[in-house]
Amino acid sequence: MSTTTVTLRNAISNARQDVTIQPGQTVRQAVDDSGFIAAGSRFSVRDKNGQVVDDRPVEEYANTVLSVGLPGDGVVGGGTAEVRHAR
């Protein structure tokens, strides 16, 4: 059985965690199982283009950075090491 590695980035604190995820999971399930976000917390996951990817298969995001933040927070996702600050 193969695994997929994805880097999760907290949109608020910029903390990062590399997680190995089991095939067949959605992105949301993978985040829940990783322990990256406190159990029961509301969150949304975005890709490098800022698109919500919560219900997408996690395998589509192998070796990428996904941004985990509050639902509807408008945070652009991961994908690069660049940090952008709102002004």
N, C-alpha and C. Protein backbone atom coordinates (compact mmCIF):
# COMPACT_ATOMS: atom_id res chain seq x y z
N MET A 1 0.85 -1.18 0.00
CA MET A 1 0.00 0.00 0.00
C MET A 1 0.90 1.24 0.00
N SER A 2 0.63 2.17 -0.89
CA SER A 2 1.43 3.39 -0.95
C SER A 2 0.84 4.46 -0.05
N THR A 3 1.66 5.43 0.28
CA THR A 3 1.21 6.55 1.09
C THR A 3 1.50 7.86 0.38
N THR A 4 0.86 8.91 0.82
CA THR A 4 1.02 10.23 0.25
C THR A 4 1.48 11.17 1.34
N THR A 5 2.49 11.98 1.06
CA THR A 5 2.96 12.97 2.02
C THR A 5 2.48 14.35 1.58
N VAL A 6 1.88 15.07 2.51
CA VAL A 6 1.38 16.42 2.28
C VAL A 6 1.86 17.29 3.44
N THR A 7 2.21 18.53 3.15
CA THR A 7 2.56 19.47 4.21
C THR A 7 1.34 20.32 4.51
N LEU A 8 0.94 20.35 5.77
CA LEU A 8 -0.17 21.20 6.21
C LEU A 8 0.42 22.46 6.81
N ARG A 9 -0.16 23.61 6.44
CA ARG A 9 0.29 24.91 6.97
C ARG A 9 -0.88 25.56 7.67
N ASN A 10 -0.69 25.92 8.93
CA ASN A 10 -1.72 26.63 9.68
C ASN A 10 -1.76 28.07 9.16
N ALA A 11 -2.91 28.49 8.65
CA ALA A 11 -3.04 29.82 8.04
C ALA A 11 -2.91 30.95 9.06
N ILE A 12 -3.10 30.66 10.34
CA ILE A 12 -3.02 31.69 11.37
C ILE A 12 -1.60 31.81 11.93
N SER A 13 -1.02 30.68 12.31
CA SER A 13 0.29 30.71 12.97
C SER A 13 1.45 30.43 12.02
N ASN A 14 1.16 29.95 10.83
CA ASN A 14 2.14 29.55 9.83
C ASN A 14 2.91 28.29 10.24
N ALA A 15 2.48 27.61 11.31
CA ALA A 15 3.09 26.34 11.70
C ALA A 15 2.89 25.33 10.58
N ARG A 16 3.86 24.44 10.42
CA ARG A 16 3.78 23.44 9.36
C ARG A 16 3.98 22.05 9.94
N GLN A 17 3.36 21.08 9.30
CA GLN A 17 3.52 19.69 9.69
C GLN A 17 3.44 18.82 8.45
N ASP A 18 4.46 17.98 8.25
CA ASP A 18 4.42 17.00 7.18
C ASP A 18 3.66 15.79 7.69
N VAL A 19 2.71 15.33 6.92
CA VAL A 19 1.92 14.17 7.32
C VAL A 19 1.90 13.14 6.20
N THR A 20 1.97 11.89 6.61
CA THR A 20 1.82 10.78 5.68
C THR A 20 0.38 10.34 5.76
N ILE A 21 -0.28 10.32 4.62
CA ILE A 21 -1.73 10.13 4.58
C ILE A 21 -2.06 8.86 3.83
N GLN A 22 -3.05 8.17 4.30
CA GLN A 22 -3.48 6.92 3.67
C GLN A 22 -4.32 7.20 2.42
N PRO A 23 -4.08 6.44 1.36
CA PRO A 23 -4.88 6.59 0.14
C PRO A 23 -6.36 6.36 0.43
N GLY A 24 -7.20 7.01 -0.36
CA GLY A 24 -8.64 6.84 -0.23
C GLY A 24 -9.29 7.85 0.68
N GLN A 25 -8.49 8.69 1.33
CA GLN A 25 -9.04 9.71 2.22
C GLN A 25 -9.28 11.00 1.46
N THR A 26 -10.22 11.78 1.99
CA THR A 26 -10.37 13.15 1.50
C THR A 26 -9.34 14.00 2.25
N VAL A 27 -9.13 15.21 1.76
CA VAL A 27 -8.22 16.12 2.44
C VAL A 27 -8.70 16.39 3.86
N ARG A 28 -9.99 16.62 4.05
CA ARG A 28 -10.54 16.89 5.39
C ARG A 28 -10.27 15.71 6.33
N GLN A 29 -10.50 14.49 5.87
CA GLN A 29 -10.25 13.31 6.70
C GLN A 29 -8.78 13.22 7.08
N ALA A 30 -7.91 13.52 6.14
CA ALA A 30 -6.48 13.46 6.40
C ALA A 30 -6.07 14.47 7.47
N VAL A 31 -6.61 15.69 7.40
CA VAL A 31 -6.30 16.71 8.41
C VAL A 31 -6.83 16.26 9.77
N ASP A 32 -8.07 15.78 9.80
CA ASP A 32 -8.65 15.28 11.06
C ASP A 32 -7.76 14.20 11.67
N ASP A 33 -7.35 13.23 10.86
CA ASP A 33 -6.56 12.10 11.36
C ASP A 33 -5.15 12.49 11.78
N SER A 34 -4.63 13.58 11.22
CA SER A 34 -3.25 13.99 11.52
C SER A 34 -3.09 14.61 12.90
N GLY A 35 -4.19 15.13 13.48
CA GLY A 35 -4.09 15.81 14.76
C GLY A 35 -3.55 17.24 14.63
N PHE A 36 -3.42 17.72 13.41
CA PHE A 36 -2.89 19.07 13.16
C PHE A 36 -3.81 20.16 13.70
N ILE A 37 -5.12 19.90 13.68
CA ILE A 37 -6.14 20.81 14.19
C ILE A 37 -6.83 20.12 15.35
N ALA A 38 -7.15 20.87 16.39
CA ALA A 38 -7.83 20.30 17.56
C ALA A 38 -9.13 19.63 17.15
N ALA A 39 -9.39 18.47 17.73
CA ALA A 39 -10.61 17.72 17.44
C ALA A 39 -11.84 18.61 17.63
N GLY A 40 -12.76 18.54 16.69
CA GLY A 40 -13.99 19.31 16.77
C GLY A 40 -13.90 20.73 16.25
N SER A 41 -12.69 21.16 15.86
CA SER A 41 -12.52 22.52 15.33
C SER A 41 -13.09 22.63 13.93
N ARG A 42 -13.64 23.79 13.63
CA ARG A 42 -14.11 24.07 12.26
C ARG A 42 -12.93 24.58 11.46
N PHE A 43 -12.75 24.05 10.28
CA PHE A 43 -11.65 24.49 9.43
C PHE A 43 -11.98 24.23 7.97
N SER A 44 -11.19 24.85 7.12
CA SER A 44 -11.27 24.64 5.69
C SER A 44 -9.85 24.51 5.17
N VAL A 45 -9.66 23.77 4.10
CA VAL A 45 -8.34 23.55 3.54
C VAL A 45 -8.31 24.09 2.12
N ARG A 46 -7.24 24.82 1.81
CA ARG A 46 -7.10 25.42 0.48
C ARG A 46 -5.79 25.01 -0.17
N ASP A 47 -5.82 24.96 -1.50
CA ASP A 47 -4.61 24.65 -2.25
C ASP A 47 -3.85 25.94 -2.55
N LYS A 48 -2.80 25.84 -3.36
CA LYS A 48 -1.95 27.00 -3.65
C LYS A 48 -2.69 28.12 -4.38
N ASN A 49 -3.82 27.80 -5.00
CA ASN A 49 -4.62 28.80 -5.71
C ASN A 49 -5.74 29.38 -4.87
N GLY A 50 -5.82 28.95 -3.61
CA GLY A 50 -6.86 29.44 -2.73
C GLY A 50 -8.19 28.72 -2.87
N GLN A 51 -8.22 27.64 -3.64
CA GLN A 51 -9.44 26.88 -3.84
C GLN A 51 -9.67 25.93 -2.66
N VAL A 52 -10.89 25.87 -2.16
CA VAL A 52 -11.22 24.95 -1.08
C VAL A 52 -11.16 23.53 -1.62
N VAL A 53 -10.42 22.67 -0.92
CA VAL A 53 -10.20 21.29 -1.38
C VAL A 53 -10.60 20.26 -0.33
N ASP A 54 -11.43 20.65 0.62
CA ASP A 54 -11.81 19.78 1.74
C ASP A 54 -12.24 18.39 1.31
N ASP A 55 -13.06 18.28 0.28
CA ASP A 55 -13.65 17.01 -0.10
C ASP A 55 -12.94 16.33 -1.27
N ARG A 56 -11.80 16.85 -1.68
CA ARG A 56 -11.04 16.26 -2.78
C ARG A 56 -10.20 15.09 -2.26
N PRO A 57 -9.86 14.13 -3.13
CA PRO A 57 -8.97 13.04 -2.72
C PRO A 57 -7.58 13.59 -2.39
N VAL A 58 -7.05 13.20 -1.24
CA VAL A 58 -5.76 13.74 -0.79
C VAL A 58 -4.62 13.39 -1.75
N GLU A 59 -4.75 12.29 -2.47
CA GLU A 59 -3.69 11.89 -3.39
C GLU A 59 -3.41 12.95 -4.46
N GLU A 60 -4.41 13.78 -4.76
CA GLU A 60 -4.22 14.85 -5.75
C GLU A 60 -3.22 15.90 -5.29
N TYR A 61 -2.89 15.91 -4.01
CA TYR A 61 -2.04 16.97 -3.45
C TYR A 61 -0.73 16.43 -2.89
N ALA A 62 -0.28 15.29 -3.41
CA ALA A 62 0.99 14.71 -2.99
C ALA A 62 2.11 15.73 -3.16
N ASN A 63 2.98 15.82 -2.15
CA ASN A 63 4.17 16.68 -2.19
C ASN A 63 3.85 18.15 -2.37
N THR A 64 2.71 18.59 -1.86
CA THR A 64 2.36 20.01 -1.91
C THR A 64 2.09 20.52 -0.50
N VAL A 65 1.91 21.83 -0.40
CA VAL A 65 1.54 22.47 0.86
C VAL A 65 0.08 22.87 0.76
N LEU A 66 -0.70 22.48 1.77
CA LEU A 66 -2.10 22.87 1.84
C LEU A 66 -2.28 23.77 3.05
N SER A 67 -3.06 24.82 2.90
CA SER A 67 -3.30 25.79 3.96
C SER A 67 -4.57 25.44 4.72
N VAL A 68 -4.44 25.33 6.04
CA VAL A 68 -5.57 24.98 6.90
C VAL A 68 -5.95 26.23 7.69
N GLY A 69 -7.18 26.69 7.55
CA GLY A 69 -7.62 27.90 8.24
C GLY A 69 -9.10 27.84 8.56
N LEU A 70 -9.60 28.93 9.06
CA LEU A 70 -11.02 29.03 9.39
C LEU A 70 -11.86 29.03 8.12
N PRO A 71 -13.04 28.43 8.16
CA PRO A 71 -13.90 28.46 6.97
C PRO A 71 -14.22 29.90 6.58
N GLY A 72 -14.10 30.19 5.30
CA GLY A 72 -14.45 31.51 4.81
C GLY A 72 -13.48 32.61 5.15
N ASP A 73 -12.24 32.25 5.56
CA ASP A 73 -11.30 33.29 5.96
C ASP A 73 -10.56 33.93 4.78
N GLY A 74 -10.75 33.38 3.59
CA GLY A 74 -10.14 33.97 2.40
C GLY A 74 -8.65 33.79 2.31
N VAL A 75 -8.07 32.91 3.09
CA VAL A 75 -6.64 32.68 3.06
C VAL A 75 -6.26 31.96 1.79
N VAL A 76 -5.25 32.46 1.11
CA VAL A 76 -4.73 31.77 -0.06
C VAL A 76 -3.89 30.61 0.45
N GLY A 77 -3.94 29.52 -0.25
CA GLY A 77 -3.30 28.29 0.20
C GLY A 77 -1.80 28.28 0.16
N GLY A 78 -1.26 27.09 0.37
CA GLY A 78 0.18 26.88 0.42
C GLY A 78 0.76 26.76 -0.96
N GLY A 79 1.83 25.98 -1.05
CA GLY A 79 2.45 25.74 -2.34
C GLY A 79 3.79 26.40 -2.50
N THR A 80 4.06 27.48 -1.78
CA THR A 80 5.35 28.15 -1.83
C THR A 80 5.79 28.48 -0.42
N ALA A 81 7.04 28.83 -0.28
CA ALA A 81 7.58 29.18 1.03
C ALA A 81 7.36 30.66 1.33
N GLU A 82 6.85 31.41 0.37
CA GLU A 82 6.63 32.84 0.55
C GLU A 82 5.50 33.11 1.54
N VAL A 83 5.74 34.04 2.45
CA VAL A 83 4.71 34.44 3.40
C VAL A 83 4.22 35.81 2.99
N ARG A 84 2.91 35.95 2.88
CA ARG A 84 2.32 37.24 2.49
C ARG A 84 1.63 37.85 3.68
N HIS A 85 1.85 39.12 3.90
CA HIS A 85 1.22 39.83 5.01
C HIS A 85 0.19 40.80 4.48
N ALA A 86 -0.99 40.77 5.06
CA ALA A 86 -2.04 41.72 4.67
C ALA A 86 -1.69 43.11 5.19
N ARG A 87 -2.02 44.11 4.42
CA ARG A 87 -1.77 45.50 4.86
C ARG A 87 -3.05 46.25 4.91
